[in-house]
Amino acid sequence: MSPRSRSSSTTSDDLLLAIEDDPKHDPSPPASWQNLPHKTELMALAFCRFSEPLTQTSLLPFIYYLLQSFPTADGSPPSASTISKQAGVLQSSFAFAQCLTGFFWGWLSDHIGRKPVILMGIAGTIVSILGFAFADNFQEALFWKVLSGVLNGNVGVFRTVVGETVREKKHQARAFLIMPICFNVGIVLGPMLGGALADPMGKYSGSPPLWGVHWPEWTERYPYALPNVVNAVFLMGSWFAGLFLLQETLETQRHKPDMGARVLLFFRRLYRRVPTGHTKQPPSSSSSGTEEETERTPLLPSPSESPSFEPRPPFLSMFTPQILLTLLCFTFTPLHNATWMQLYSIFLSAPSASNPLLGGLNLSPVSVGTALSFLGTLGIAMQLIVYPPVQIRLGLIRSYRWSNSLFPIAYLLTPMLVFLRRISDAATWAGISGVLAIQVAARTFAFPASIALLTNAVEVPGVLGTIHGVGSSLMALSRTVGPLVGSWGLAKGMEGWGVEWVFWTLSLIAAASWTVSLRLKEGRGLGH
């Protein structure tokens, strides 16, 4: 072997060892998107997970105008500061409901299985989003938002399924990108969908009907319902995809018959009984036996004929010092990220003021949707192209710490965009793009790394769903407190305090999160 070849081989091994447990040379091919295991299951999971980011981000372009359309007690339109507070209450109520139920859904998934919990969550989202679409006032909208959070607190279950499906650490860099990619796809399609379909009859904008179509009468009474109805139709498709394509990953439930397989078998039998005009041959005993065997055969093989499972440890003993530290970081990141996302959409829509720091950028719903869609498009590109090789080279911990150092910069620059608005539209959009690029780069690395770190911190079988349920509840708590307090702060900023202080406070919180990340260590996980 030439020295050049030997050097190339050594470099390749070093990259692989950055994310693998075994320090010995691994003869298997390097991890890539092509050899990622269980792609069908992961894609089905992604399709199901897509529900929350799509429904949440489709509201962002028109949430300001939706709240503006709701009547107040005296019949006057609400002020910009009132709308900011109401938007924060809506977002926080959803997250608070998830906080209260996240642990329950994680615990339930450890007992009845991951798949039933996921399907129940999607069904709950369909019901609540249709109710929200036809809300007549802020109180009704708030009720449906709370119900949506209660019925769809299973984000941790999705992360648990990814961790149980792909246990080889060399593939985790890509496997744990599935959920963040879904979020960014939702950020791309959601705002585009919401901005395009909001007010199709032009009731408030004064524009002609969308696409020149004569829309149903309910689109005039509920001008912002159409995006939610379209979302509900999409979610019905994701529910059926989950029913037929998702496979159970909980060890104690894997050997049981799958409901989706039973439904498919029923329709297969029904199809065979439909006359086709040809002579029907009587089924042989062997084919009949095969069909019955198919019905009894689980989609995933049982690990043994009579599987034995380790008893779950006591509740408090699950939380080792490293898990607690990881959960702390798990709480910090959504605290500032979700708050910034909420404030940013309001900041882009809010009217300008004579004092630049007392107003926003005064963008239309279509422009807000374009800005947020750019955020998602950039995120997808970075996750697919940039994240895997950089994460392999830096390692999980270093890439996570590096990403946490970028958040404070993005938050410091955000309020300065109001000064670019006075220069030109080109300068404004250049500033928006720059801030989004920094924030997306930080989020691209932080979220999949935090999920992988929490998964690898769990080394006891049977509690992964519960731990991720706790993590989901803590994230939801952050997404409750952050947007609620942040929206109040933004409202106060528009009333005279200045909008910059709320964004700079987020920068301090993000800096604290980076400090905590310096104490993190990576665990071995369940696959060691």
Protein backbone atom coordinates (compact mmCIF):
# COMPACT_ATOMS: atom_id res chain seq x y z
CA MET A 1 0.00 0.00 0.00
CA SER A 2 1.36 3.42 -0.92
CA PRO A 3 1.89 6.08 1.77
CA ARG A 4 -0.79 8.19 0.15
CA SER A 5 -3.33 5.35 0.33
CA ARG A 6 -2.39 4.58 3.91
CA SER A 7 -2.91 8.24 4.86
CA SER A 8 -6.30 8.31 3.15
CA SER A 9 -7.39 5.16 4.97
CA THR A 10 -6.32 6.56 8.33
CA THR A 11 -8.27 9.76 7.74
CA SER A 12 -11.39 7.79 6.87
CA ASP A 13 -11.10 5.72 10.05
CA ASP A 14 -10.69 8.85 12.15
CA LEU A 15 -13.89 10.31 10.77
CA LEU A 16 -15.85 7.17 11.56
CA LEU A 17 -14.46 6.91 15.08
CA ALA A 18 -15.82 10.36 15.87
CA ILE A 19 -19.31 8.89 16.20
CA GLU A 20 -18.70 5.21 16.89
CA ASP A 21 -18.24 3.54 20.26
CA ASP A 22 -15.76 0.88 19.22
CA PRO A 23 -12.28 2.31 18.84
CA LYS A 24 -11.27 -0.54 16.51
CA HIS A 25 -11.30 -0.35 12.74
CA ASP A 26 -14.79 -0.94 11.31
CA PRO A 27 -14.65 -2.93 8.04
CA SER A 28 -18.23 -1.95 7.09
CA PRO A 29 -18.80 0.85 4.56
CA PRO A 30 -18.91 4.42 5.89
CA ALA A 31 -22.36 5.70 6.81
CA SER A 32 -24.27 7.45 4.03
CA TRP A 33 -27.83 8.23 3.02
CA GLN A 34 -27.67 5.27 0.60
CA ASN A 35 -26.90 2.63 3.24
CA LEU A 36 -29.03 4.14 6.02
CA PRO A 37 -30.98 1.17 7.45
CA HIS A 38 -34.78 1.01 7.73
CA LYS A 39 -35.39 3.80 5.24
CA THR A 40 -39.02 2.80 4.64
CA GLU A 41 -39.86 2.96 8.34
CA LEU A 42 -38.01 6.25 8.77
CA MET A 43 -39.79 7.83 5.80
CA ALA A 44 -43.17 6.69 7.11
CA LEU A 45 -42.25 8.15 10.49
CA ALA A 46 -41.21 11.41 8.84
CA PHE A 47 -44.52 11.63 7.00
CA CYS A 48 -46.39 11.22 10.29
CA ARG A 49 -44.14 13.63 12.19
CA PHE A 50 -44.69 16.23 9.49
CA SER A 51 -48.14 17.00 10.95
CA GLU A 52 -47.15 19.35 13.78
CA PRO A 53 -44.65 21.61 11.96
CA LEU A 54 -46.99 21.91 8.97
CA THR A 55 -50.01 22.91 11.04
CA GLN A 56 -48.03 25.23 13.31
CA THR A 57 -46.01 27.08 10.66
CA SER A 58 -48.93 27.51 8.24
CA LEU A 59 -50.45 29.88 10.82
CA LEU A 60 -47.45 32.19 11.01
CA PRO A 61 -48.05 34.31 7.85
CA PHE A 62 -51.61 35.21 8.82
CA ILE A 63 -51.79 34.79 12.62
CA TYR A 64 -51.47 38.57 13.05
CA TYR A 65 -54.36 39.19 10.65
CA LEU A 66 -56.45 36.32 12.02
CA LEU A 67 -56.30 37.80 15.52
CA GLN A 68 -56.98 41.23 14.07
CA SER A 69 -60.22 39.86 12.58
CA PHE A 70 -61.54 38.60 15.93
CA PRO A 71 -63.94 41.08 17.56
CA THR A 72 -63.01 42.70 20.87
CA ALA A 73 -65.39 43.43 23.75
CA ASP A 74 -66.09 46.99 22.56
CA GLY A 75 -66.13 46.07 18.87
CA SER A 76 -62.92 47.95 18.01
CA PRO A 77 -59.99 46.22 16.28
CA PRO A 78 -57.25 45.04 18.67
CA SER A 79 -54.00 46.99 18.85
CA ALA A 80 -50.66 45.62 17.70
CA SER A 81 -49.54 45.06 21.29
CA THR A 82 -52.79 43.20 22.09
CA ILE A 83 -52.32 40.98 19.05
CA SER A 84 -48.74 40.24 20.14
CA LYS A 85 -49.98 39.17 23.57
CA GLN A 86 -52.78 37.01 22.12
CA ALA A 87 -50.36 35.32 19.71
CA GLY A 88 -48.12 34.48 22.64
CA VAL A 89 -51.04 33.07 24.61
CA LEU A 90 -52.09 30.85 21.68
CA GLN A 91 -48.59 29.48 21.16
CA SER A 92 -47.96 29.02 24.86
CA SER A 93 -51.30 27.31 25.49
CA PHE A 94 -50.48 24.68 22.88
CA ALA A 95 -47.02 24.09 24.34
CA PHE A 96 -48.33 24.08 27.92
CA ALA A 97 -50.87 21.38 27.06
CA GLN A 98 -48.04 19.35 25.50
CA CYS A 99 -46.01 19.90 28.66
CA LEU A 100 -48.79 18.44 30.81
CA THR A 101 -49.33 15.39 28.60
CA GLY A 102 -45.88 14.70 27.11
CA PHE A 103 -44.82 12.46 29.98
CA PHE A 104 -48.15 10.60 29.85
CA TRP A 105 -47.83 9.84 26.12
CA GLY A 106 -44.24 8.67 26.63
CA TRP A 107 -45.27 6.47 29.55
CA LEU A 108 -48.24 5.11 27.58
CA SER A 109 -46.00 4.27 24.62
CA ASP A 110 -43.78 2.22 26.96
CA HIS A 111 -46.84 0.09 27.80
CA ILE A 112 -49.15 -0.17 24.75
CA GLY A 113 -46.60 0.53 22.01
CA ARG A 114 -45.31 3.44 19.94
CA LYS A 115 -47.57 3.04 16.91
CA PRO A 116 -50.98 3.38 18.67
CA VAL A 117 -49.83 6.52 20.46
CA ILE A 118 -48.60 8.10 17.22
CA LEU A 119 -51.89 7.34 15.44
CA MET A 120 -53.92 8.76 18.34
CA GLY A 121 -51.86 11.94 18.22
CA ILE A 122 -52.42 12.48 14.50
CA ALA A 123 -56.16 11.85 14.87
CA GLY A 124 -56.32 14.38 17.70
CA THR A 125 -54.52 16.96 15.56
CA ILE A 126 -57.05 16.50 12.74
CA VAL A 127 -60.01 17.14 15.06
CA SER A 128 -58.45 20.15 16.76
CA ILE A 129 -57.22 21.84 13.59
CA LEU A 130 -60.69 21.68 12.04
CA GLY A 131 -62.15 23.19 15.20
CA PHE A 132 -59.55 25.97 15.12
CA ALA A 133 -60.32 26.67 11.46
CA PHE A 134 -63.93 27.61 12.24
CA ALA A 135 -63.39 29.47 15.52
CA ASP A 136 -65.44 32.68 15.77
CA ASN A 137 -63.42 34.43 18.46
CA PHE A 138 -60.19 34.30 20.40
CA GLN A 139 -61.65 32.18 23.20
CA GLU A 140 -62.73 29.43 20.80
CA ALA A 141 -59.37 29.50 19.04
CA LEU A 142 -57.65 29.17 22.42
CA PHE A 143 -59.78 26.14 23.34
CA TRP A 144 -58.89 24.28 20.15
CA LYS A 145 -55.21 25.14 20.56
CA VAL A 146 -55.20 23.67 24.05
CA LEU A 147 -57.00 20.54 22.84
CA SER A 148 -54.45 20.16 20.04
CA GLY A 149 -51.62 20.20 22.56
CA VAL A 150 -53.37 17.72 24.85
CA LEU A 151 -54.01 15.21 22.06
CA ASN A 152 -50.66 15.57 20.32
CA GLY A 153 -48.04 15.53 23.06
CA ASN A 154 -46.16 12.64 21.49
CA VAL A 155 -43.11 14.35 20.01
CA GLY A 156 -40.93 12.31 22.35
CA VAL A 157 -42.48 9.11 21.00
CA PHE A 158 -41.26 9.93 17.49
CA ARG A 159 -37.73 10.46 18.80
CA THR A 160 -37.94 7.21 20.72
CA VAL A 161 -38.89 5.30 17.57
CA VAL A 162 -35.92 6.75 15.70
CA GLY A 163 -33.58 5.72 18.52
CA GLU A 164 -35.03 2.19 18.61
CA THR A 165 -35.00 1.81 14.83
CA VAL A 166 -31.41 2.94 14.22
CA ARG A 167 -29.08 1.95 17.06
CA GLU A 168 -25.74 2.03 15.24
CA LYS A 169 -24.07 5.29 16.20
CA LYS A 170 -22.46 5.75 12.80
CA HIS A 171 -25.95 6.05 11.26
CA GLN A 172 -27.43 8.24 14.00
CA ALA A 173 -26.04 11.46 12.52
CA ARG A 174 -28.44 11.00 9.60
CA ALA A 175 -31.26 9.14 11.33
CA PHE A 176 -31.75 11.87 13.92
CA LEU A 177 -31.90 14.43 11.13
CA ILE A 178 -35.27 13.02 10.02
CA MET A 179 -37.27 14.96 12.62
CA PRO A 180 -35.51 18.33 12.09
CA ILE A 181 -35.81 17.87 8.32
CA CYS A 182 -39.56 17.40 8.80
CA PHE A 183 -39.63 20.64 10.75
CA ASN A 184 -37.83 22.51 8.00
CA VAL A 185 -40.02 21.00 5.28
CA GLY A 186 -42.95 22.20 7.36
CA ILE A 187 -41.38 25.66 7.54
CA VAL A 188 -41.09 25.67 3.74
CA LEU A 189 -44.55 24.36 2.87
CA GLY A 190 -46.49 25.64 5.89
CA PRO A 191 -45.94 29.39 5.40
CA MET A 192 -46.34 29.04 1.63
CA LEU A 193 -49.62 27.22 2.17
CA GLY A 194 -50.84 29.65 4.80
CA GLY A 195 -49.80 32.76 2.90
CA ALA A 196 -51.30 31.56 -0.39
CA LEU A 197 -54.64 30.21 0.89
CA ALA A 198 -55.43 32.78 3.59
CA ASP A 199 -58.44 34.99 2.79
CA PRO A 200 -59.11 33.42 -0.65
CA MET A 201 -62.13 35.69 -1.26
CA GLY A 202 -60.14 38.86 -0.57
CA LYS A 203 -62.46 39.91 2.26
CA TYR A 204 -59.79 41.91 4.09
CA SER A 205 -57.17 42.45 1.40
CA GLY A 206 -59.66 43.74 -1.21
CA SER A 207 -58.04 41.56 -3.87
CA PRO A 208 -60.05 39.42 -6.33
CA PRO A 209 -60.82 35.79 -5.41
CA LEU A 210 -57.79 33.51 -5.36
CA TRP A 211 -57.11 31.96 -8.80
CA GLY A 212 -60.40 33.45 -10.01
CA VAL A 213 -62.31 30.61 -8.35
CA HIS A 214 -65.75 31.00 -6.79
CA TRP A 215 -64.94 29.66 -3.34
CA PRO A 216 -67.59 28.24 -0.96
CA GLU A 217 -69.46 30.72 1.24
CA TRP A 218 -67.72 29.54 4.40
CA THR A 219 -64.40 30.90 3.07
CA GLU A 220 -65.86 34.40 3.31
CA ARG A 221 -67.22 33.94 6.82
CA TYR A 222 -64.00 32.20 7.90
CA PRO A 223 -61.36 33.78 5.63
CA TYR A 224 -58.45 32.03 7.36
CA ALA A 225 -59.97 28.55 7.58
CA LEU A 226 -58.90 27.19 4.20
CA PRO A 227 -55.21 26.54 5.10
CA ASN A 228 -56.32 24.55 8.14
CA VAL A 229 -58.81 22.49 6.13
CA VAL A 230 -56.11 21.62 3.58
CA ASN A 231 -53.79 20.67 6.45
CA ALA A 232 -56.46 18.37 7.87
CA VAL A 233 -56.78 16.56 4.53
CA PHE A 234 -53.02 16.08 4.43
CA LEU A 235 -53.01 14.77 8.00
CA MET A 236 -55.60 12.15 7.07
CA GLY A 237 -53.13 10.86 4.50
CA SER A 238 -50.34 10.77 7.07
CA TRP A 239 -52.60 8.83 9.47
CA PHE A 240 -53.19 6.12 6.87
CA ALA A 241 -49.47 6.08 6.04
CA GLY A 242 -48.76 5.48 9.71
CA LEU A 243 -51.39 2.76 9.93
CA PHE A 244 -50.02 0.76 7.00
CA LEU A 245 -46.29 1.55 6.96
CA LEU A 246 -45.16 2.17 10.54
CA GLN A 247 -43.84 -0.83 12.43
CA GLU A 248 -43.92 -1.28 16.19
CA THR A 249 -40.50 -0.86 17.84
CA LEU A 250 -41.35 -1.50 21.50
CA GLU A 251 -39.83 -4.87 22.40
CA THR A 252 -42.81 -6.05 24.45
CA GLN A 253 -45.25 -5.33 21.60
CA ARG A 254 -43.26 -6.28 18.51
CA HIS A 255 -44.41 -9.91 18.50
CA LYS A 256 -48.12 -9.00 18.53
CA PRO A 257 -50.23 -8.79 15.34
CA ASP A 258 -50.13 -5.40 13.68
CA MET A 259 -53.41 -3.57 13.08
CA GLY A 260 -52.26 -2.20 9.72
CA ALA A 261 -51.31 -5.68 8.52
CA ARG A 262 -54.74 -6.97 9.56
CA VAL A 263 -56.49 -4.22 7.58
CA LEU A 264 -54.38 -4.92 4.50
CA LEU A 265 -55.13 -8.64 4.81
CA PHE A 266 -58.86 -7.89 5.06
CA PHE A 267 -58.85 -5.89 1.82
CA ARG A 268 -56.73 -8.55 0.13
CA ARG A 269 -59.31 -11.18 1.03
CA LEU A 270 -62.13 -8.89 -0.08
CA TYR A 271 -60.44 -8.33 -3.43
CA ARG A 272 -60.04 -12.07 -3.99
CA ARG A 273 -63.77 -12.58 -3.50
CA VAL A 274 -64.74 -10.05 -6.18
CA PRO A 275 -65.71 -11.92 -9.39
CA THR A 276 -63.39 -11.12 -12.30
CA GLY A 277 -65.15 -13.05 -15.11
CA HIS A 278 -62.53 -15.80 -15.09
CA THR A 279 -62.94 -19.30 -13.75
CA LYS A 280 -62.14 -19.19 -10.07
CA GLN A 281 -59.90 -21.98 -8.87
CA PRO A 282 -60.56 -23.33 -5.39
CA PRO A 283 -57.83 -22.29 -3.01
CA SER A 284 -55.40 -24.99 -2.08
CA SER A 285 -54.80 -25.89 1.50
CA SER A 286 -51.26 -24.63 1.23
CA SER A 287 -52.32 -21.18 0.08
CA SER A 288 -54.97 -21.00 2.77
CA GLY A 289 -52.42 -21.93 5.35
CA THR A 290 -50.05 -19.30 4.03
CA GLU A 291 -52.73 -16.63 4.33
CA GLU A 292 -53.54 -17.56 7.90
CA GLU A 293 -49.85 -17.63 8.67
CA THR A 294 -49.48 -14.16 7.18
CA GLU A 295 -52.20 -12.88 9.48
CA ARG A 296 -50.43 -14.23 12.53
CA THR A 297 -46.92 -13.16 11.51
CA PRO A 298 -45.78 -9.84 12.99
CA LEU A 299 -44.18 -7.23 10.73
CA LEU A 300 -41.05 -7.30 12.88
CA PRO A 301 -39.66 -10.63 14.03
CA SER A 302 -39.78 -11.49 17.68
CA PRO A 303 -36.32 -11.59 19.24
CA SER A 304 -37.02 -15.07 20.58
CA GLU A 305 -39.80 -17.62 20.82
CA SER A 306 -40.52 -16.68 24.43
CA PRO A 307 -38.96 -13.27 24.88
CA SER A 308 -37.90 -12.18 28.33
CA PHE A 309 -37.59 -8.52 29.20
CA GLU A 310 -35.71 -6.74 31.93
CA PRO A 311 -37.93 -5.12 34.56
CA ARG A 312 -38.14 -1.35 34.41
CA PRO A 313 -36.06 0.41 37.09
CA PRO A 314 -37.71 2.65 39.71
CA PHE A 315 -38.76 6.02 38.33
CA LEU A 316 -36.22 8.23 40.12
CA SER A 317 -33.30 5.90 39.39
CA MET A 318 -33.80 6.50 35.66
CA PHE A 319 -32.46 10.03 36.01
CA THR A 320 -28.70 9.70 36.20
CA PRO A 321 -26.59 12.89 36.53
CA GLN A 322 -25.77 12.81 32.82
CA ILE A 323 -29.43 12.40 31.84
CA LEU A 324 -30.38 15.33 34.09
CA LEU A 325 -27.70 17.53 32.54
CA THR A 326 -28.79 16.52 29.04
CA LEU A 327 -32.41 17.29 29.91
CA LEU A 328 -31.33 20.74 31.10
CA CYS A 329 -29.79 21.46 27.70
CA PHE A 330 -32.86 19.86 26.12
CA THR A 331 -34.91 22.54 27.91
CA PHE A 332 -32.74 25.58 27.14
CA THR A 333 -32.64 25.26 23.35
CA PRO A 334 -36.41 25.32 22.65
CA LEU A 335 -36.81 28.05 25.28
CA HIS A 336 -35.00 30.61 23.15
CA ASN A 337 -35.59 29.05 19.71
CA ALA A 338 -39.40 28.76 19.99
CA THR A 339 -39.61 32.23 21.50
CA TRP A 340 -37.59 33.73 18.67
CA MET A 341 -39.71 31.94 16.04
CA GLN A 342 -42.90 33.31 17.59
CA LEU A 343 -41.58 36.85 18.01
CA TYR A 344 -39.96 36.89 14.59
CA SER A 345 -43.21 36.29 12.70
CA ILE A 346 -44.94 39.05 14.71
CA PHE A 347 -41.93 41.35 14.28
CA LEU A 348 -42.05 40.89 10.50
CA SER A 349 -45.80 41.65 10.33
CA ALA A 350 -46.08 44.48 12.87
CA PRO A 351 -46.43 48.00 11.42
CA SER A 352 -43.46 50.35 11.38
CA ALA A 353 -43.22 53.23 13.84
CA SER A 354 -41.67 56.70 13.77
CA ASN A 355 -39.13 55.37 16.26
CA PRO A 356 -37.79 52.27 14.44
CA LEU A 357 -37.29 50.31 17.67
CA LEU A 358 -40.97 50.67 18.60
CA GLY A 359 -42.30 48.79 15.56
CA GLY A 360 -41.71 45.98 13.11
CA LEU A 361 -41.03 45.54 9.40
CA ASN A 362 -44.66 45.84 8.19
CA LEU A 363 -44.48 42.91 5.75
CA SER A 364 -47.55 41.35 4.10
CA PRO A 365 -48.64 37.74 4.80
CA VAL A 366 -47.14 36.66 1.46
CA SER A 367 -43.81 38.32 2.30
CA VAL A 368 -43.77 36.79 5.78
CA GLY A 369 -44.49 33.39 4.24
CA THR A 370 -41.65 33.89 1.77
CA ALA A 371 -39.20 34.82 4.55
CA LEU A 372 -40.13 31.83 6.69
CA SER A 373 -40.10 29.48 3.69
CA PHE A 374 -36.57 30.62 2.92
CA LEU A 375 -35.66 29.67 6.48
CA GLY A 376 -36.97 26.15 5.91
CA THR A 377 -35.37 25.74 2.48
CA LEU A 378 -31.99 26.76 3.83
CA GLY A 379 -32.44 24.40 6.77
CA ILE A 380 -33.17 21.41 4.53
CA ALA A 381 -30.12 22.12 2.37
CA MET A 382 -27.84 22.41 5.40
CA GLN A 383 -29.24 19.27 7.03
CA LEU A 384 -28.83 17.11 3.94
CA ILE A 385 -25.49 18.44 2.70
CA VAL A 386 -23.60 20.22 5.48
CA TYR A 387 -24.60 18.57 8.75
CA PRO A 388 -23.54 14.90 8.26
CA PRO A 389 -19.90 15.50 7.20
CA VAL A 390 -19.35 18.32 9.68
CA GLN A 391 -20.88 16.30 12.51
CA ILE A 392 -18.63 13.35 11.66
CA ARG A 393 -15.53 15.54 11.58
CA LEU A 394 -16.29 17.52 14.74
CA GLY A 395 -18.10 14.81 16.67
CA LEU A 396 -21.47 15.00 18.37
CA ILE A 397 -20.45 17.06 21.40
CA ARG A 398 -18.26 19.60 19.58
CA SER A 399 -20.83 20.23 16.85
CA TYR A 400 -23.52 20.74 19.49
CA ARG A 401 -21.40 23.26 21.38
CA TRP A 402 -20.47 25.08 18.18
CA SER A 403 -24.11 25.43 17.16
CA ASN A 404 -25.05 26.83 20.57
CA SER A 405 -22.52 29.63 20.09
CA LEU A 406 -24.38 30.89 16.98
CA PHE A 407 -27.79 31.48 18.56
CA PRO A 408 -26.74 34.60 20.56
CA ILE A 409 -25.40 36.25 17.40
CA ALA A 410 -28.67 35.79 15.48
CA TYR A 411 -30.73 37.19 18.35
CA LEU A 412 -28.48 40.23 18.79
CA LEU A 413 -28.86 41.15 15.11
CA THR A 414 -32.64 40.62 14.78
CA PRO A 415 -33.91 44.02 16.07
CA MET A 416 -31.35 45.84 13.92
CA LEU A 417 -33.37 44.88 10.83
CA VAL A 418 -35.69 47.86 11.44
CA PHE A 419 -32.86 50.23 10.46
CA LEU A 420 -32.33 48.39 7.18
CA ARG A 421 -36.02 48.90 6.40
CA ARG A 422 -35.33 52.63 6.12
CA ILE A 423 -32.53 52.10 3.62
CA SER A 424 -34.16 49.91 0.95
CA ASP A 425 -36.11 46.72 0.39
CA ALA A 426 -32.95 45.05 -0.91
CA ALA A 427 -31.07 45.88 2.28
CA THR A 428 -34.00 44.63 4.36
CA TRP A 429 -34.15 41.27 2.60
CA ALA A 430 -30.36 40.92 2.75
CA GLY A 431 -30.54 41.45 6.51
CA ILE A 432 -33.46 39.03 6.91
CA SER A 433 -31.55 36.39 4.93
CA GLY A 434 -28.39 36.88 6.97
CA VAL A 435 -30.13 36.55 10.33
CA LEU A 436 -32.05 33.50 9.12
CA ALA A 437 -28.87 31.86 7.82
CA ILE A 438 -27.17 32.16 11.22
CA GLN A 439 -30.22 30.96 13.14
CA VAL A 440 -30.82 28.04 10.76
CA ALA A 441 -27.19 26.94 10.97
CA ALA A 442 -27.43 26.90 14.76
CA ARG A 443 -30.73 25.02 14.82
CA THR A 444 -29.61 22.54 12.16
CA PHE A 445 -26.84 21.24 14.39
CA ALA A 446 -28.39 21.79 17.83
CA PHE A 447 -31.64 19.86 17.56
CA PRO A 448 -30.53 16.51 16.06
CA ALA A 449 -27.47 16.54 18.31
CA SER A 450 -29.56 17.14 21.44
CA ILE A 451 -31.89 14.27 20.52
CA ALA A 452 -28.95 11.94 19.91
CA LEU A 453 -27.29 12.97 23.18
CA LEU A 454 -30.46 12.25 25.17
CA THR A 455 -30.96 8.90 23.42
CA ASN A 456 -27.36 7.85 24.05
CA ALA A 457 -27.58 8.94 27.70
CA VAL A 458 -30.19 6.19 28.27
CA GLU A 459 -28.42 2.86 28.82
CA VAL A 460 -31.25 0.92 30.53
CA PRO A 461 -33.81 -0.88 28.31
CA GLY A 462 -37.50 -0.17 28.71
CA VAL A 463 -37.30 3.48 29.78
CA LEU A 464 -36.35 5.26 26.55
CA GLY A 465 -39.94 6.27 25.83
CA THR A 466 -40.41 7.61 29.35
CA ILE A 467 -37.17 9.63 29.23
CA HIS A 468 -38.10 11.12 25.87
CA GLY A 469 -41.57 11.80 27.26
CA VAL A 470 -40.00 13.80 30.09
CA GLY A 471 -37.79 15.57 27.56
CA SER A 472 -40.84 16.35 25.43
CA SER A 473 -42.65 17.78 28.46
CA LEU A 474 -39.67 19.95 29.37
CA MET A 475 -39.39 21.20 25.80
CA ALA A 476 -43.10 21.98 25.81
CA LEU A 477 -42.71 23.82 29.11
CA SER A 478 -40.00 25.95 27.52
CA ARG A 479 -42.24 26.58 24.52
CA THR A 480 -44.97 27.62 26.96
CA VAL A 481 -43.03 30.04 29.11
CA GLY A 482 -40.81 31.44 26.36
CA PRO A 483 -43.39 32.68 23.81
CA LEU A 484 -45.77 33.82 26.55
CA VAL A 485 -43.20 35.99 28.33
CA GLY A 486 -41.54 36.95 25.06
CA SER A 487 -44.79 38.15 23.48
CA TRP A 488 -45.50 40.22 26.58
CA GLY A 489 -42.00 41.68 26.28
CA LEU A 490 -42.44 42.45 22.58
CA ALA A 491 -45.78 44.15 23.32
CA LYS A 492 -44.09 46.26 26.00
CA GLY A 493 -41.32 47.04 23.55
CA MET A 494 -43.82 48.39 21.02
CA GLU A 495 -45.47 50.45 23.76
CA GLY A 496 -42.26 52.29 24.58
CA TRP A 497 -39.60 50.02 26.00
CA GLY A 498 -38.08 49.19 22.62
CA VAL A 499 -38.24 45.84 20.83
CA GLU A 500 -34.50 45.26 21.06
CA TRP A 501 -34.40 44.31 24.73
CA VAL A 502 -36.55 41.18 24.34
CA PHE A 503 -34.32 39.82 21.55
CA TRP A 504 -31.17 40.65 23.49
CA THR A 505 -32.57 38.82 26.52
CA LEU A 506 -32.94 35.76 24.29
CA SER A 507 -29.28 36.20 23.38
CA LEU A 508 -28.31 35.99 27.07
CA ILE A 509 -30.41 32.83 27.52
CA ALA A 510 -28.75 31.26 24.48
CA ALA A 511 -25.33 32.12 25.90
CA ALA A 512 -26.29 30.37 29.15
CA SER A 513 -27.31 27.31 27.13
CA TRP A 514 -23.89 27.24 25.49
CA THR A 515 -22.25 27.38 28.94
CA VAL A 516 -24.24 24.35 30.13
CA SER A 517 -23.31 22.42 26.98
CA LEU A 518 -19.64 22.59 27.98
CA ARG A 519 -20.35 20.07 30.78
CA LEU A 520 -22.09 17.50 28.59
CA LYS A 521 -20.66 14.05 27.84
CA GLU A 522 -21.90 11.49 25.34
CA GLY A 523 -23.28 8.21 26.71
CA ARG A 524 -23.04 4.76 25.11
CA GLY A 525 -26.77 4.29 24.52
CA LEU A 526 -28.70 1.03 24.19
CA GLY A 527 -26.71 -0.22 21.22
CA HIS A 528 -23.41 -0.69 23.09
